[in-house]
Amino acid sequence: HGFAVEGYKWCIETLEEKIQSQKDLPEESLSAHEKDNTRLLLGMSLDSCARYMISRKQLELAESLYEKALAISRQVQGETHPQ
């Protein structure tokens, strides 16, 4: 369990840092599509961590992670995307 939590934490923090560093990059250096892909990968990591937390009965934490993942999905893919 400890390794799993540390692994998820590392992935999420690393992606959040990468997103922060990409914010000010010009489009010719990194396309909007590539930036969106990084954000979606963060959303997938949050979703996966939330599912793991549910299996560990940590429901409040899972809910928070799901809310963050959903917000990213809505920002990048819109309200009507099937995912």
C-alpha atoms as a PDB file:
ATOM      1  CA  HIS A   1       0.000   0.000   0.000  1.00  0.00           C
ATOM      2  CA  GLY A   2       2.785   2.435   0.889  1.00  0.00           C
ATOM      3  CA  PHE A   3       4.528   1.947  -2.447  1.00  0.00           C
ATOM      4  CA  ALA A   4       1.246   2.364  -4.324  1.00  0.00           C
ATOM      5  CA  VAL A   5       0.439   5.623  -2.566  1.00  0.00           C
ATOM      6  CA  GLU A   6       3.957   6.956  -3.128  1.00  0.00           C
ATOM      7  CA  GLY A   7       3.784   5.939  -6.792  1.00  0.00           C
ATOM      8  CA  TYR A   8       0.477   7.725  -7.352  1.00  0.00           C
ATOM      9  CA  LYS A   9       1.727  10.755  -5.444  1.00  0.00           C
ATOM     10  CA  TRP A  10       4.886  10.910  -7.563  1.00  0.00           C
ATOM     11  CA  CYS A  11       2.943  10.595 -10.833  1.00  0.00           C
ATOM     12  CA  ILE A  12       0.392  13.243  -9.882  1.00  0.00           C
ATOM     13  CA  GLU A  13       2.943  15.725  -8.543  1.00  0.00           C
ATOM     14  CA  THR A  14       5.251  15.239 -11.532  1.00  0.00           C
ATOM     15  CA  LEU A  15       2.417  15.840 -13.990  1.00  0.00           C
ATOM     16  CA  GLU A  16       1.204  18.901 -12.062  1.00  0.00           C
ATOM     17  CA  GLU A  17       4.734  20.343 -12.183  1.00  0.00           C
ATOM     18  CA  LYS A  18       4.995  19.584 -15.894  1.00  0.00           C
ATOM     19  CA  ILE A  19       1.673  21.332 -16.560  1.00  0.00           C
ATOM     20  CA  GLN A  20       2.857  24.385 -14.622  1.00  0.00           C
ATOM     21  CA  SER A  21       6.092  24.521 -16.608  1.00  0.00           C
ATOM     22  CA  GLN A  22       4.208  24.161 -19.918  1.00  0.00           C
ATOM     23  CA  LYS A  23       1.756  27.004 -19.290  1.00  0.00           C
ATOM     24  CA  ASP A  24       3.964  29.760 -20.646  1.00  0.00           C
ATOM     25  CA  LEU A  25       5.549  27.828 -23.495  1.00  0.00           C
ATOM     26  CA  PRO A  26       4.719  29.229 -26.930  1.00  0.00           C
ATOM     27  CA  GLU A  27       2.598  27.112 -29.273  1.00  0.00           C
ATOM     28  CA  GLU A  28       5.510  26.644 -31.693  1.00  0.00           C
ATOM     29  CA  SER A  29       7.492  24.988 -28.926  1.00  0.00           C
ATOM     30  CA  LEU A  30       4.659  22.795 -27.585  1.00  0.00           C
ATOM     31  CA  SER A  31       1.270  22.508 -29.237  1.00  0.00           C
ATOM     32  CA  ALA A  32      -2.029  22.955 -27.408  1.00  0.00           C
ATOM     33  CA  HIS A  33      -2.788  19.320 -28.253  1.00  0.00           C
ATOM     34  CA  GLU A  34       0.369  18.167 -26.467  1.00  0.00           C
ATOM     35  CA  LYS A  35      -0.453  20.339 -23.452  1.00  0.00           C
ATOM     36  CA  ASP A  36      -3.961  18.860 -23.387  1.00  0.00           C
ATOM     37  CA  ASN A  37      -2.529  15.351 -23.529  1.00  0.00           C
ATOM     38  CA  THR A  38      -0.452  16.060 -20.431  1.00  0.00           C
ATOM     39  CA  ARG A  39      -3.520  17.377 -18.617  1.00  0.00           C
ATOM     40  CA  LEU A  40      -5.541  14.322 -19.654  1.00  0.00           C
ATOM     41  CA  LEU A  41      -2.769  12.035 -18.421  1.00  0.00           C
ATOM     42  CA  LEU A  42      -2.999  13.802 -15.057  1.00  0.00           C
ATOM     43  CA  GLY A  43      -6.750  13.210 -15.094  1.00  0.00           C
ATOM     44  CA  MET A  44      -6.231   9.530 -15.807  1.00  0.00           C
ATOM     45  CA  SER A  45      -3.714   9.287 -12.961  1.00  0.00           C
ATOM     46  CA  LEU A  46      -6.156  10.969 -10.583  1.00  0.00           C
ATOM     47  CA  ASP A  47      -8.921   8.606 -11.718  1.00  0.00           C
ATOM     48  CA  SER A  48      -6.728   5.557 -11.216  1.00  0.00           C
ATOM     49  CA  CYS A  49      -5.645   6.729  -7.773  1.00  0.00           C
ATOM     50  CA  ALA A  50      -9.289   7.360  -6.857  1.00  0.00           C
ATOM     51  CA  ARG A  51     -10.237   3.820  -7.849  1.00  0.00           C
ATOM     52  CA  TYR A  52      -7.411   2.498  -5.692  1.00  0.00           C
ATOM     53  CA  MET A  53      -8.538   4.639  -2.762  1.00  0.00           C
ATOM     54  CA  ILE A  54     -12.062   3.238  -3.100  1.00  0.00           C
ATOM     55  CA  SER A  55     -10.632  -0.263  -2.839  1.00  0.00           C
ATOM     56  CA  ARG A  56      -8.963   0.892   0.403  1.00  0.00           C
ATOM     57  CA  LYS A  57     -12.258   2.388   1.689  1.00  0.00           C
ATOM     58  CA  GLN A  58     -10.852   5.928   1.625  1.00  0.00           C
ATOM     59  CA  LEU A  59     -13.996   7.364   0.102  1.00  0.00           C
ATOM     60  CA  GLU A  60     -13.561  11.057   0.880  1.00  0.00           C
ATOM     61  CA  LEU A  61     -10.101  11.100  -0.667  1.00  0.00           C
ATOM     62  CA  ALA A  62     -11.392   9.162  -3.678  1.00  0.00           C
ATOM     63  CA  GLU A  63     -14.212  11.659  -4.150  1.00  0.00           C
ATOM     64  CA  SER A  64     -11.758  14.559  -4.123  1.00  0.00           C
ATOM     65  CA  LEU A  65      -9.523  12.853  -6.676  1.00  0.00           C
ATOM     66  CA  TYR A  66     -12.516  12.035  -8.911  1.00  0.00           C
ATOM     67  CA  GLU A  67     -13.662  15.662  -8.769  1.00  0.00           C
ATOM     68  CA  LYS A  68     -10.237  16.869  -9.910  1.00  0.00           C
ATOM     69  CA  ALA A  69     -10.159  14.287 -12.724  1.00  0.00           C
ATOM     70  CA  LEU A  70     -13.654  15.278 -13.841  1.00  0.00           C
ATOM     71  CA  ALA A  71     -12.748  18.967 -13.856  1.00  0.00           C
ATOM     72  CA  ILE A  72      -9.749  18.268 -16.093  1.00  0.00           C
ATOM     73  CA  SER A  73     -11.855  16.166 -18.446  1.00  0.00           C
ATOM     74  CA  ARG A  74     -14.493  18.891 -18.705  1.00  0.00           C
ATOM     75  CA  GLN A  75     -11.878  21.600 -19.313  1.00  0.00           C
ATOM     76  CA  VAL A  76     -10.103  19.675 -22.041  1.00  0.00           C
ATOM     77  CA  GLN A  77     -12.875  17.603 -23.640  1.00  0.00           C
ATOM     78  CA  GLY A  78     -16.015  19.564 -22.842  1.00  0.00           C
ATOM     79  CA  GLU A  79     -19.230  18.682 -21.043  1.00  0.00           C
ATOM     80  CA  THR A  80     -20.601  16.209 -23.572  1.00  0.00           C
ATOM     81  CA  HIS A  81     -17.582  13.979 -24.125  1.00  0.00           C
ATOM     82  CA  PRO A  82     -18.540  10.346 -23.414  1.00  0.00           C
ATOM     83  CA  GLN A  83     -15.538   9.739 -21.185  1.00  0.00           C
END
